[in-house]
Amino acid sequence: MRRALFGGALLLAVLSAAAWPQAQQAPAGRQGGAGRGGGAGAQPVQHANGTLTPMALDPGRPWGWATKAYMENPNRKLYNKAKAKLLSGAQVFSFTQSTFNPEQYCQYAPHYDYTWFEMQHSTLRFDQVQSMMAACPLTGATPMIRMPDALEANIQKATDLGVLGIIVPTVDDALEARDAARFSRFPPFGRRSVGGGAASQLWTQPGVNYRATINDNMLVVVMIETQEAVKNALEIASQPGVDVVIIGNADFESFSGFPPNSAGYLDLQTRVRNATYLAGKFWGNANPGFARNNPLAADSRFHLGVPPEK
C-alpha cells in the first residue's frame, strides 16, 4: 500500500515538474486579465521595446486608489499639494536642493510641485533644511526629504521639522517599506512620536489642526533600485502607508547592468509598474525623461526634476 502511495506521489511530482516550465511561459498578452485588475474588456497595453506586456488598467481601480483609501478622510482638502495633484491624476515634478541656500530655495520652490531636499548624496543637515523652510514657509512646493535611510531616528527628525513627505532610497524588501510608512505617521496608523512644535507651527492654520490632518497629508515614497527589490516589488508596494513607488533610474541601471534603452531595463520597469498598480499605489521614475516619449510614460507620475519637452 505504501509503495503504491509513494509511486503515485512520485508520478504526480514528475508531472508537476513537467508542467511548470509551460506555466512559466504563458503568453505575455494574458497579463492584466479580469482576475488581475484588467477588468472586463480591458485591452493590454503593448510594450514598444521590451518583451513584457504592461498590465491593463481597470477604470474602476485607477492609479493610487489604495493611497486614497488609506487616508483617514479621503475627501479631505490637502495642504500637501504634490499629493493632491497625484490624487487628481496628474504627474508631479521637483527641483533638487542639495546645499544650504535659503535664497535659492525661496526663488525656485514656488514653481514646482515639491522640493527634493537631498540628504542621501549631500552633506545637507536637518537643521539647514528647517532653516530654509522657515525662510519662506508655505511657498507652494511640498517640502520632501530624500532620506539617508529609513531609521526611526532620522524619520522622526524629518517629520518634526515639518516636511510633508519622505523619499527612502534603495528599499529592498517589505520591512524597509513598512518602517518608512509607520515611522512617518502618528498612531493609530503609525508609530511616530509626538515631537517639538516646529512642524505644528508651520502647518497649523485657521481651521487646520496639524495633528489631526498630517497623516493624510504625509506622502511616503520608496525607491526601487536593485533586482532584489524588483522581485519584492509587490510586497514593497503593498505596505499600508507607502504611497508611491519609484525607480531610482541611475542605480537601477548600475545594479541591473541594463542600459535604460534596452529591452531588459524596460522589462524590469514593467514588473515594478505592474506590481505598483496591483497594490493600488502611484508609480514613477526619478529620471523625468521617463515622463515623456516612453512606452510607460503615461503611467509614470512622480519624478525628480523638471519635465522634458514633449
C-alpha atoms as a PDB file:
ATOM      1  CA  MET A   1       0.000   0.000   0.000  1.00  0.00           C
ATOM      2  CA  ARG A   2       2.801   2.377   0.964  1.00  0.00           C
ATOM      3  CA  ARG A   3       4.678   1.506  -2.247  1.00  0.00           C
ATOM      4  CA  ALA A   4       1.583   2.365  -4.296  1.00  0.00           C
ATOM      5  CA  LEU A   5       1.120   5.664  -2.499  1.00  0.00           C
ATOM      6  CA  PHE A   6       4.799   6.532  -2.981  1.00  0.00           C
ATOM      7  CA  GLY A   7       4.610   5.648  -6.671  1.00  0.00           C
ATOM      8  CA  GLY A   8       1.522   7.852  -7.112  1.00  0.00           C
ATOM      9  CA  ALA A   9       3.168  10.803  -5.327  1.00  0.00           C
ATOM     10  CA  LEU A  10       6.317  10.402  -7.417  1.00  0.00           C
ATOM     11  CA  LEU A  11       4.304  10.376 -10.647  1.00  0.00           C
ATOM     12  CA  LEU A  12       2.417  13.490  -9.540  1.00  0.00           C
ATOM     13  CA  ALA A  13       5.696  15.298  -8.774  1.00  0.00           C
ATOM     14  CA  VAL A  14       7.130  14.395 -12.186  1.00  0.00           C
ATOM     15  CA  LEU A  15       4.004  15.597 -13.970  1.00  0.00           C
ATOM     16  CA  SER A  16       4.036  18.856 -11.961  1.00  0.00           C
ATOM     17  CA  ALA A  17       7.681  19.472 -12.794  1.00  0.00           C
ATOM     18  CA  ALA A  18       6.990  18.914 -16.469  1.00  0.00           C
ATOM     19  CA  ALA A  19       4.083  21.329 -16.413  1.00  0.00           C
ATOM     20  CA  TRP A  20       5.993  24.067 -14.537  1.00  0.00           C
ATOM     21  CA  PRO A  21       8.063  25.400 -17.472  1.00  0.00           C
ATOM     22  CA  GLN A  22       4.916  25.589 -19.597  1.00  0.00           C
ATOM     23  CA  ALA A  23       3.129  27.567 -16.882  1.00  0.00           C
ATOM     24  CA  GLN A  24       6.052  29.992 -16.731  1.00  0.00           C
ATOM     25  CA  GLN A  25       5.881  30.546 -20.493  1.00  0.00           C
ATOM     26  CA  ALA A  26       2.275  31.730 -20.590  1.00  0.00           C
ATOM     27  CA  PRO A  27       1.784  34.355 -23.306  1.00  0.00           C
ATOM     28  CA  ALA A  28       2.539  37.888 -22.121  1.00  0.00           C
ATOM     29  CA  GLY A  29      -0.771  39.043 -23.532  1.00  0.00           C
ATOM     30  CA  ARG A  30      -2.579  37.219 -20.742  1.00  0.00           C
ATOM     31  CA  GLN A  31      -1.263  39.638 -18.139  1.00  0.00           C
ATOM     32  CA  GLY A  32      -3.839  42.071 -16.886  1.00  0.00           C
ATOM     33  CA  GLY A  33      -6.835  39.787 -17.302  1.00  0.00           C
ATOM     34  CA  ALA A  34     -10.059  40.195 -15.368  1.00  0.00           C
ATOM     35  CA  GLY A  35      -8.614  38.401 -12.368  1.00  0.00           C
ATOM     36  CA  ARG A  36      -5.546  40.667 -12.183  1.00  0.00           C
ATOM     37  CA  GLY A  37      -7.051  44.142 -12.353  1.00  0.00           C
ATOM     38  CA  GLY A  38      -7.599  44.184 -16.104  1.00  0.00           C
ATOM     39  CA  GLY A  39     -11.373  44.464 -15.919  1.00  0.00           C
ATOM     40  CA  ALA A  40     -13.834  43.053 -18.420  1.00  0.00           C
ATOM     41  CA  GLY A  41     -12.912  44.057 -21.935  1.00  0.00           C
ATOM     42  CA  ALA A  42      -9.728  45.857 -20.862  1.00  0.00           C
ATOM     43  CA  GLN A  43      -7.020  45.674 -23.514  1.00  0.00           C
ATOM     44  CA  PRO A  44      -3.358  45.174 -22.558  1.00  0.00           C
ATOM     45  CA  VAL A  45      -1.005  47.986 -23.497  1.00  0.00           C
ATOM     46  CA  GLN A  46       1.670  46.834 -25.912  1.00  0.00           C
ATOM     47  CA  HIS A  47       5.225  47.484 -24.759  1.00  0.00           C
ATOM     48  CA  ALA A  48       7.111  49.019 -27.654  1.00  0.00           C
ATOM     49  CA  ASN A  49      10.609  47.798 -26.837  1.00  0.00           C
ATOM     50  CA  GLY A  50      10.551  45.130 -24.153  1.00  0.00           C
ATOM     51  CA  THR A  51       9.178  41.610 -24.046  1.00  0.00           C
ATOM     52  CA  LEU A  52       6.634  42.033 -21.246  1.00  0.00           C
ATOM     53  CA  THR A  53       3.142  43.399 -21.685  1.00  0.00           C
ATOM     54  CA  PRO A  54       2.116  46.001 -19.102  1.00  0.00           C
ATOM     55  CA  MET A  55      -0.948  45.036 -17.125  1.00  0.00           C
ATOM     56  CA  ALA A  56      -4.102  46.647 -18.455  1.00  0.00           C
ATOM     57  CA  LEU A  57      -5.695  49.319 -16.275  1.00  0.00           C
ATOM     58  CA  ASP A  58      -9.131  48.790 -14.796  1.00  0.00           C
ATOM     59  CA  PRO A  59     -11.164  52.031 -14.970  1.00  0.00           C
ATOM     60  CA  GLY A  60     -12.648  51.144 -11.593  1.00  0.00           C
ATOM     61  CA  ARG A  61      -9.222  50.901  -9.957  1.00  0.00           C
ATOM     62  CA  PRO A  62      -7.203  53.960 -11.029  1.00  0.00           C
ATOM     63  CA  TRP A  63      -3.600  54.652 -10.074  1.00  0.00           C
ATOM     64  CA  GLY A  64      -3.347  55.398  -6.359  1.00  0.00           C
ATOM     65  CA  TRP A  65      -6.740  54.052  -5.303  1.00  0.00           C
ATOM     66  CA  ALA A  66      -5.187  52.372  -2.231  1.00  0.00           C
ATOM     67  CA  THR A  67      -3.266  55.527  -1.332  1.00  0.00           C
ATOM     68  CA  LYS A  68      -6.573  57.354  -1.195  1.00  0.00           C
ATOM     69  CA  ALA A  69      -8.344  54.524   0.629  1.00  0.00           C
ATOM     70  CA  TYR A  70      -5.667  54.556   3.350  1.00  0.00           C
ATOM     71  CA  MET A  71      -6.458  58.184   4.222  1.00  0.00           C
ATOM     72  CA  GLU A  72      -8.490  58.772   7.363  1.00  0.00           C
ATOM     73  CA  ASN A  73     -10.641  61.196   5.348  1.00  0.00           C
ATOM     74  CA  PRO A  74     -10.272  60.569   1.588  1.00  0.00           C
ATOM     75  CA  ASN A  75     -12.262  63.733   0.850  1.00  0.00           C
ATOM     76  CA  ARG A  76     -10.046  65.982   2.960  1.00  0.00           C
ATOM     77  CA  LYS A  77      -8.646  69.096   1.277  1.00  0.00           C
ATOM     78  CA  LEU A  78      -4.884  68.595   1.401  1.00  0.00           C
ATOM     79  CA  TYR A  79      -2.173  71.168   2.060  1.00  0.00           C
ATOM     80  CA  ASN A  80       0.305  68.686   0.579  1.00  0.00           C
ATOM     81  CA  LYS A  81      -0.063  69.967  -2.966  1.00  0.00           C
ATOM     82  CA  ALA A  82       2.033  67.231  -4.543  1.00  0.00           C
ATOM     83  CA  LYS A  83      -0.158  64.527  -3.029  1.00  0.00           C
ATOM     84  CA  ALA A  84      -3.320  66.386  -4.058  1.00  0.00           C
ATOM     85  CA  LYS A  85      -2.012  66.626  -7.600  1.00  0.00           C
ATOM     86  CA  LEU A  86      -1.202  62.910  -7.707  1.00  0.00           C
ATOM     87  CA  LEU A  87      -4.694  62.070  -6.488  1.00  0.00           C
ATOM     88  CA  SER A  88      -6.118  64.245  -9.260  1.00  0.00           C
ATOM     89  CA  GLY A  89      -4.373  62.022 -11.823  1.00  0.00           C
ATOM     90  CA  ALA A  90      -1.538  64.391 -12.772  1.00  0.00           C
ATOM     91  CA  GLN A  91       2.229  63.952 -12.896  1.00  0.00           C
ATOM     92  CA  VAL A  92       4.437  65.778 -10.376  1.00  0.00           C
ATOM     93  CA  PHE A  93       7.953  67.191 -10.731  1.00  0.00           C
ATOM     94  CA  SER A  94      10.534  68.773  -8.452  1.00  0.00           C
ATOM     95  CA  PHE A  95      13.759  70.676  -8.136  1.00  0.00           C
ATOM     96  CA  THR A  96      16.672  69.465  -6.019  1.00  0.00           C
ATOM     97  CA  GLN A  97      18.050  71.437  -3.085  1.00  0.00           C
ATOM     98  CA  SER A  98      21.329  69.830  -2.003  1.00  0.00           C
ATOM     99  CA  THR A  99      23.124  72.795  -0.402  1.00  0.00           C
ATOM    100  CA  PHE A 100      22.219  75.271   2.300  1.00  0.00           C
ATOM    101  CA  ASN A 101      20.976  78.222   0.257  1.00  0.00           C
ATOM    102  CA  PRO A 102      17.749  79.819   1.567  1.00  0.00           C
ATOM    103  CA  GLU A 103      17.704  82.425  -1.201  1.00  0.00           C
ATOM    104  CA  GLN A 104      17.868  79.760  -3.913  1.00  0.00           C
ATOM    105  CA  TYR A 105      15.221  77.655  -2.200  1.00  0.00           C
ATOM    106  CA  CYS A 106      12.814  80.584  -1.873  1.00  0.00           C
ATOM    107  CA  GLN A 107      13.387  81.505  -5.518  1.00  0.00           C
ATOM    108  CA  TYR A 108      12.694  78.084  -7.003  1.00  0.00           C
ATOM    109  CA  ALA A 109      10.199  76.448  -4.634  1.00  0.00           C
ATOM    110  CA  PRO A 110       7.057  78.313  -5.794  1.00  0.00           C
ATOM    111  CA  HIS A 111       7.468  76.981  -9.337  1.00  0.00           C
ATOM    112  CA  TYR A 112       7.478  73.238  -8.646  1.00  0.00           C
ATOM    113  CA  ASP A 113       5.184  70.581  -7.224  1.00  0.00           C
ATOM    114  CA  TYR A 114       7.636  69.611  -4.490  1.00  0.00           C
ATOM    115  CA  THR A 115      11.167  70.246  -3.267  1.00  0.00           C
ATOM    116  CA  TRP A 116      13.546  67.289  -3.198  1.00  0.00           C
ATOM    117  CA  PHE A 117      15.860  68.113  -0.268  1.00  0.00           C
ATOM    118  CA  GLU A 118      18.831  65.846  -0.973  1.00  0.00           C
ATOM    119  CA  MET A 119      20.241  64.152   2.126  1.00  0.00           C
ATOM    120  CA  GLN A 120      21.426  60.861   0.635  1.00  0.00           C
ATOM    121  CA  HIS A 121      24.123  62.232  -1.660  1.00  0.00           C
ATOM    122  CA  SER A 122      24.955  65.515   0.056  1.00  0.00           C
ATOM    123  CA  THR A 123      26.090  66.890   3.396  1.00  0.00           C
ATOM    124  CA  LEU A 124      22.847  68.803   3.919  1.00  0.00           C
ATOM    125  CA  ARG A 125      21.693  68.676   7.552  1.00  0.00           C
ATOM    126  CA  PHE A 126      18.246  68.579   9.153  1.00  0.00           C
ATOM    127  CA  ASP A 127      18.714  71.970  10.814  1.00  0.00           C
ATOM    128  CA  GLN A 128      19.644  73.506   7.464  1.00  0.00           C
ATOM    129  CA  VAL A 129      16.514  72.116   5.843  1.00  0.00           C
ATOM    130  CA  GLN A 130      14.460  73.537   8.692  1.00  0.00           C
ATOM    131  CA  SER A 131      16.076  76.966   8.263  1.00  0.00           C
ATOM    132  CA  MET A 132      15.336  77.037   4.533  1.00  0.00           C
ATOM    133  CA  MET A 133      11.714  76.067   5.089  1.00  0.00           C
ATOM    134  CA  ALA A 134      11.397  78.791   7.745  1.00  0.00           C
ATOM    135  CA  ALA A 135      12.831  81.381   5.339  1.00  0.00           C
ATOM    136  CA  CYS A 136       9.781  81.178   3.086  1.00  0.00           C
ATOM    137  CA  PRO A 137       7.073  78.952   4.575  1.00  0.00           C
ATOM    138  CA  LEU A 138       4.074  77.835   2.562  1.00  0.00           C
ATOM    139  CA  THR A 139       5.804  78.514  -0.760  1.00  0.00           C
ATOM    140  CA  GLY A 140       3.660  76.112  -2.748  1.00  0.00           C
ATOM    141  CA  ALA A 141       6.179  73.329  -3.361  1.00  0.00           C
ATOM    142  CA  THR A 142       5.652  70.441  -0.963  1.00  0.00           C
ATOM    143  CA  PRO A 143       8.822  70.028   1.151  1.00  0.00           C
ATOM    144  CA  MET A 144      10.176  66.483   0.976  1.00  0.00           C
ATOM    145  CA  ILE A 145      13.489  64.935   2.019  1.00  0.00           C
ATOM    146  CA  ARG A 146      15.290  62.145   0.236  1.00  0.00           C
ATOM    147  CA  MET A 147      16.384  60.384   3.387  1.00  0.00           C
ATOM    148  CA  PRO A 148      19.786  58.864   4.062  1.00  0.00           C
ATOM    149  CA  ASP A 149      17.970  55.755   5.361  1.00  0.00           C
ATOM    150  CA  ALA A 150      14.690  54.543   6.890  1.00  0.00           C
ATOM    151  CA  LEU A 151      15.841  54.653  10.511  1.00  0.00           C
ATOM    152  CA  GLU A 152      13.224  55.790  13.010  1.00  0.00           C
ATOM    153  CA  ALA A 153      15.552  58.441  14.460  1.00  0.00           C
ATOM    154  CA  ASN A 154      16.071  60.147  11.115  1.00  0.00           C
ATOM    155  CA  ILE A 155      12.441  59.944  10.001  1.00  0.00           C
ATOM    156  CA  GLN A 156      11.480  61.418  13.380  1.00  0.00           C
ATOM    157  CA  LYS A 157      13.755  64.420  12.779  1.00  0.00           C
ATOM    158  CA  ALA A 158      12.427  64.918   9.257  1.00  0.00           C
ATOM    159  CA  THR A 159       8.785  64.890  10.313  1.00  0.00           C
ATOM    160  CA  ASP A 160       9.421  67.027  13.402  1.00  0.00           C
ATOM    161  CA  LEU A 161      10.907  69.831  11.315  1.00  0.00           C
ATOM    162  CA  GLY A 162       7.777  69.863   9.148  1.00  0.00           C
ATOM    163  CA  VAL A 163       8.364  68.072   5.861  1.00  0.00           C
ATOM    164  CA  LEU A 164       5.237  66.668   4.245  1.00  0.00           C
ATOM    165  CA  GLY A 165       6.935  63.716   2.626  1.00  0.00           C
ATOM    166  CA  ILE A 166       9.941  61.428   2.720  1.00  0.00           C
ATOM    167  CA  ILE A 167      11.696  59.578  -0.090  1.00  0.00           C
ATOM    168  CA  VAL A 168      13.559  56.471   1.065  1.00  0.00           C
ATOM    169  CA  PRO A 169      16.284  55.146  -1.275  1.00  0.00           C
ATOM    170  CA  THR A 170      17.318  51.569  -2.053  1.00  0.00           C
ATOM    171  CA  VAL A 171      14.390  49.804  -0.435  1.00  0.00           C
ATOM    172  CA  ASP A 172      14.900  46.080  -0.973  1.00  0.00           C
ATOM    173  CA  ASP A 173      12.093  44.464   0.989  1.00  0.00           C
ATOM    174  CA  ALA A 174       8.744  44.940   2.666  1.00  0.00           C
ATOM    175  CA  LEU A 175      10.224  45.507   6.129  1.00  0.00           C
ATOM    176  CA  GLU A 176      12.094  48.619   4.999  1.00  0.00           C
ATOM    177  CA  ALA A 177       8.964  49.893   3.269  1.00  0.00           C
ATOM    178  CA  ARG A 178       6.867  49.192   6.348  1.00  0.00           C
ATOM    179  CA  ASP A 179       9.263  51.146   8.554  1.00  0.00           C
ATOM    180  CA  ALA A 180       9.239  54.144   6.216  1.00  0.00           C
ATOM    181  CA  ALA A 181       5.441  54.229   6.356  1.00  0.00           C
ATOM    182  CA  ARG A 182       4.861  53.654  10.050  1.00  0.00           C
ATOM    183  CA  PHE A 183       7.626  55.934  11.381  1.00  0.00           C
ATOM    184  CA  SER A 184       6.249  58.876   9.373  1.00  0.00           C
ATOM    185  CA  ARG A 185       2.655  58.763  10.702  1.00  0.00           C
ATOM    186  CA  PHE A 186       1.069  59.168  14.116  1.00  0.00           C
ATOM    187  CA  PRO A 187      -0.942  56.411  15.839  1.00  0.00           C
ATOM    188  CA  PRO A 188      -3.195  54.595  15.432  1.00  0.00           C
ATOM    189  CA  PHE A 189      -1.921  54.005  11.895  1.00  0.00           C
ATOM    190  CA  GLY A 190       1.778  54.539  12.573  1.00  0.00           C
ATOM    191  CA  ARG A 191       4.230  54.899  15.435  1.00  0.00           C
ATOM    192  CA  ARG A 192       5.529  58.430  15.013  1.00  0.00           C
ATOM    193  CA  SER A 193       6.265  60.048  18.345  1.00  0.00           C
ATOM    194  CA  VAL A 194       4.907  63.491  19.222  1.00  0.00           C
ATOM    195  CA  GLY A 195       7.878  65.830  18.993  1.00  0.00           C
ATOM    196  CA  GLY A 196       8.607  69.543  19.066  1.00  0.00           C
ATOM    197  CA  GLY A 197       6.450  72.347  17.783  1.00  0.00           C
ATOM    198  CA  ALA A 198       8.230  73.249  14.517  1.00  0.00           C
ATOM    199  CA  ALA A 199       6.018  71.122  12.281  1.00  0.00           C
ATOM    200  CA  SER A 200       2.815  72.069  14.035  1.00  0.00           C
ATOM    201  CA  GLN A 201       3.662  75.771  13.986  1.00  0.00           C
ATOM    202  CA  LEU A 202       4.435  75.607  10.288  1.00  0.00           C
ATOM    203  CA  TRP A 203       1.240  73.912   9.118  1.00  0.00           C
ATOM    204  CA  THR A 204      -1.395  74.811  11.698  1.00  0.00           C
ATOM    205  CA  GLN A 205      -3.620  77.465  10.132  1.00  0.00           C
ATOM    206  CA  PRO A 206      -7.157  78.731  10.792  1.00  0.00           C
ATOM    207  CA  GLY A 207      -9.383  75.687  10.576  1.00  0.00           C
ATOM    208  CA  VAL A 208      -6.432  73.268  10.242  1.00  0.00           C
ATOM    209  CA  ASN A 209      -5.270  71.063  13.112  1.00  0.00           C
ATOM    210  CA  TYR A 210      -1.841  69.653  12.247  1.00  0.00           C
ATOM    211  CA  ARG A 211      -2.028  66.589  14.488  1.00  0.00           C
ATOM    212  CA  ALA A 212      -5.463  65.672  13.138  1.00  0.00           C
ATOM    213  CA  THR A 213      -4.579  66.136   9.459  1.00  0.00           C
ATOM    214  CA  ILE A 214      -0.901  65.292   8.953  1.00  0.00           C
ATOM    215  CA  ASN A 215      -1.393  61.542   8.492  1.00  0.00           C
ATOM    216  CA  ASP A 216      -3.476  62.216   5.384  1.00  0.00           C
ATOM    217  CA  ASN A 217      -1.062  64.867   4.131  1.00  0.00           C
ATOM    218  CA  MET A 218       2.067  62.756   4.565  1.00  0.00           C
ATOM    219  CA  LEU A 219       3.489  61.341   1.317  1.00  0.00           C
ATOM    220  CA  VAL A 220       5.778  58.319   1.639  1.00  0.00           C
ATOM    221  CA  VAL A 221       7.845  57.426  -1.421  1.00  0.00           C
ATOM    222  CA  VAL A 222      10.124  54.382  -1.644  1.00  0.00           C
ATOM    223  CA  MET A 223      12.781  53.837  -4.303  1.00  0.00           C
ATOM    224  CA  ILE A 224      13.377  50.511  -6.024  1.00  0.00           C
ATOM    225  CA  GLU A 225      16.926  50.288  -7.353  1.00  0.00           C
ATOM    226  CA  THR A 226      18.072  46.664  -7.178  1.00  0.00           C
ATOM    227  CA  GLN A 227      16.970  43.403  -8.747  1.00  0.00           C
ATOM    228  CA  GLU A 228      16.210  42.080  -5.268  1.00  0.00           C
ATOM    229  CA  ALA A 229      13.741  44.930  -4.884  1.00  0.00           C
ATOM    230  CA  VAL A 230      12.167  44.109  -8.246  1.00  0.00           C
ATOM    231  CA  LYS A 231      11.485  40.579  -7.002  1.00  0.00           C
ATOM    232  CA  ASN A 232       9.875  42.010  -3.862  1.00  0.00           C
ATOM    233  CA  ALA A 233       8.097  44.886  -5.621  1.00  0.00           C
ATOM    234  CA  LEU A 234       4.539  43.732  -4.900  1.00  0.00           C
ATOM    235  CA  GLU A 235       5.211  43.228  -1.185  1.00  0.00           C
ATOM    236  CA  ILE A 236       7.019  46.584  -1.005  1.00  0.00           C
ATOM    237  CA  ALA A 237       4.234  48.482  -2.753  1.00  0.00           C
ATOM    238  CA  SER A 238       1.511  46.731  -0.725  1.00  0.00           C
ATOM    239  CA  GLN A 239       2.702  48.034   2.635  1.00  0.00           C
ATOM    240  CA  PRO A 240      -0.012  50.263   4.170  1.00  0.00           C
ATOM    241  CA  GLY A 241       1.154  53.858   4.201  1.00  0.00           C
ATOM    242  CA  VAL A 242       3.501  53.540   1.249  1.00  0.00           C
ATOM    243  CA  ASP A 243       2.009  55.970  -1.270  1.00  0.00           C
ATOM    244  CA  VAL A 244       4.431  55.997  -4.197  1.00  0.00           C
ATOM    245  CA  VAL A 245       6.972  53.556  -5.624  1.00  0.00           C
ATOM    246  CA  ILE A 246       9.592  54.992  -7.956  1.00  0.00           C
ATOM    247  CA  ILE A 247      12.590  53.597  -9.763  1.00  0.00           C
ATOM    248  CA  GLY A 248      15.953  55.193  -8.993  1.00  0.00           C
ATOM    249  CA  ASN A 249      16.988  55.053 -12.604  1.00  0.00           C
ATOM    250  CA  ALA A 250      20.759  55.584 -12.338  1.00  0.00           C
ATOM    251  CA  ASP A 251      21.242  52.929  -9.655  1.00  0.00           C
ATOM    252  CA  PHE A 252      18.663  50.742 -11.397  1.00  0.00           C
ATOM    253  CA  GLU A 253      20.976  50.699 -14.412  1.00  0.00           C
ATOM    254  CA  SER A 254      24.042  50.170 -12.226  1.00  0.00           C
ATOM    255  CA  PHE A 255      22.616  47.255 -10.243  1.00  0.00           C
ATOM    256  CA  SER A 256      20.878  45.558 -13.173  1.00  0.00           C
ATOM    257  CA  GLY A 257      23.559  46.036 -15.818  1.00  0.00           C
ATOM    258  CA  PHE A 258      20.916  47.035 -18.390  1.00  0.00           C
ATOM    259  CA  PRO A 259      21.135  50.400 -20.192  1.00  0.00           C
ATOM    260  CA  PRO A 260      17.920  52.460 -19.995  1.00  0.00           C
ATOM    261  CA  ASN A 261      17.042  51.957 -23.663  1.00  0.00           C
ATOM    262  CA  SER A 262      17.325  48.163 -23.541  1.00  0.00           C
ATOM    263  CA  ALA A 263      14.560  45.588 -23.509  1.00  0.00           C
ATOM    264  CA  GLY A 264      15.883  44.162 -20.233  1.00  0.00           C
ATOM    265  CA  TYR A 265      15.670  47.525 -18.483  1.00  0.00           C
ATOM    266  CA  LEU A 266      12.152  48.153 -19.764  1.00  0.00           C
ATOM    267  CA  ASP A 267      11.065  44.697 -18.677  1.00  0.00           C
ATOM    268  CA  LEU A 268      12.262  45.383 -15.129  1.00  0.00           C
ATOM    269  CA  GLN A 269      10.431  48.716 -15.197  1.00  0.00           C
ATOM    270  CA  THR A 270       7.291  46.947 -16.344  1.00  0.00           C
ATOM    271  CA  ARG A 271       7.490  44.443 -13.490  1.00  0.00           C
ATOM    272  CA  VAL A 272       7.720  47.260 -10.944  1.00  0.00           C
ATOM    273  CA  ARG A 273       4.980  49.203 -12.730  1.00  0.00           C
ATOM    274  CA  ASN A 274       2.641  46.185 -12.696  1.00  0.00           C
ATOM    275  CA  ALA A 275       3.323  45.419  -9.017  1.00  0.00           C
ATOM    276  CA  THR A 276       2.700  49.027  -8.005  1.00  0.00           C
ATOM    277  CA  TYR A 277      -0.555  49.129  -9.935  1.00  0.00           C
ATOM    278  CA  LEU A 278      -1.716  45.855  -8.367  1.00  0.00           C
ATOM    279  CA  ALA A 279      -1.016  47.365  -4.927  1.00  0.00           C
ATOM    280  CA  GLY A 280      -3.090  50.444  -5.776  1.00  0.00           C
ATOM    281  CA  LYS A 281      -0.268  52.947  -5.333  1.00  0.00           C
ATOM    282  CA  PHE A 282       1.379  55.547  -7.599  1.00  0.00           C
ATOM    283  CA  TRP A 283       4.381  54.656  -9.770  1.00  0.00           C
ATOM    284  CA  GLY A 284       7.157  56.838 -11.100  1.00  0.00           C
ATOM    285  CA  ASN A 285      10.768  57.277 -12.139  1.00  0.00           C
ATOM    286  CA  ALA A 286      13.413  59.521 -10.624  1.00  0.00           C
ATOM    287  CA  ASN A 287      14.563  60.493 -14.132  1.00  0.00           C
ATOM    288  CA  PRO A 288      11.917  62.879 -15.529  1.00  0.00           C
ATOM    289  CA  GLY A 289      12.824  61.764 -19.036  1.00  0.00           C
ATOM    290  CA  PHE A 290      10.618  58.723 -18.460  1.00  0.00           C
ATOM    291  CA  ALA A 291       7.621  61.056 -18.142  1.00  0.00           C
ATOM    292  CA  ARG A 292       7.661  61.701 -21.889  1.00  0.00           C
ATOM    293  CA  ASN A 293       8.266  59.746 -25.081  1.00  0.00           C
ATOM    294  CA  ASN A 294       8.464  56.378 -23.335  1.00  0.00           C
ATOM    295  CA  PRO A 295       6.217  53.306 -23.604  1.00  0.00           C
ATOM    296  CA  LEU A 296       5.258  53.662 -19.928  1.00  0.00           C
ATOM    297  CA  ALA A 297       5.277  57.472 -19.774  1.00  0.00           C
ATOM    298  CA  ALA A 298       1.558  57.883 -19.158  1.00  0.00           C
ATOM    299  CA  ASP A 299       1.807  55.765 -16.007  1.00  0.00           C
ATOM    300  CA  SER A 300       4.921  57.471 -14.594  1.00  0.00           C
ATOM    301  CA  ARG A 301       3.547  60.017 -12.115  1.00  0.00           C
ATOM    302  CA  PHE A 302       6.306  61.007  -9.653  1.00  0.00           C
ATOM    303  CA  HIS A 303       9.673  62.383 -10.794  1.00  0.00           C
ATOM    304  CA  LEU A 304      12.860  64.049  -9.643  1.00  0.00           C
ATOM    305  CA  GLY A 305      13.483  67.095 -11.804  1.00  0.00           C
ATOM    306  CA  VAL A 306      11.669  69.152 -14.403  1.00  0.00           C
ATOM    307  CA  PRO A 307       9.531  67.677 -17.189  1.00  0.00           C
ATOM    308  CA  PRO A 308      11.321  67.356 -20.518  1.00  0.00           C
ATOM    309  CA  GLU A 309       9.899  68.817 -23.694  1.00  0.00           C
ATOM    310  CA  LYS A 310       7.108  66.807 -25.220  1.00  0.00           C
END
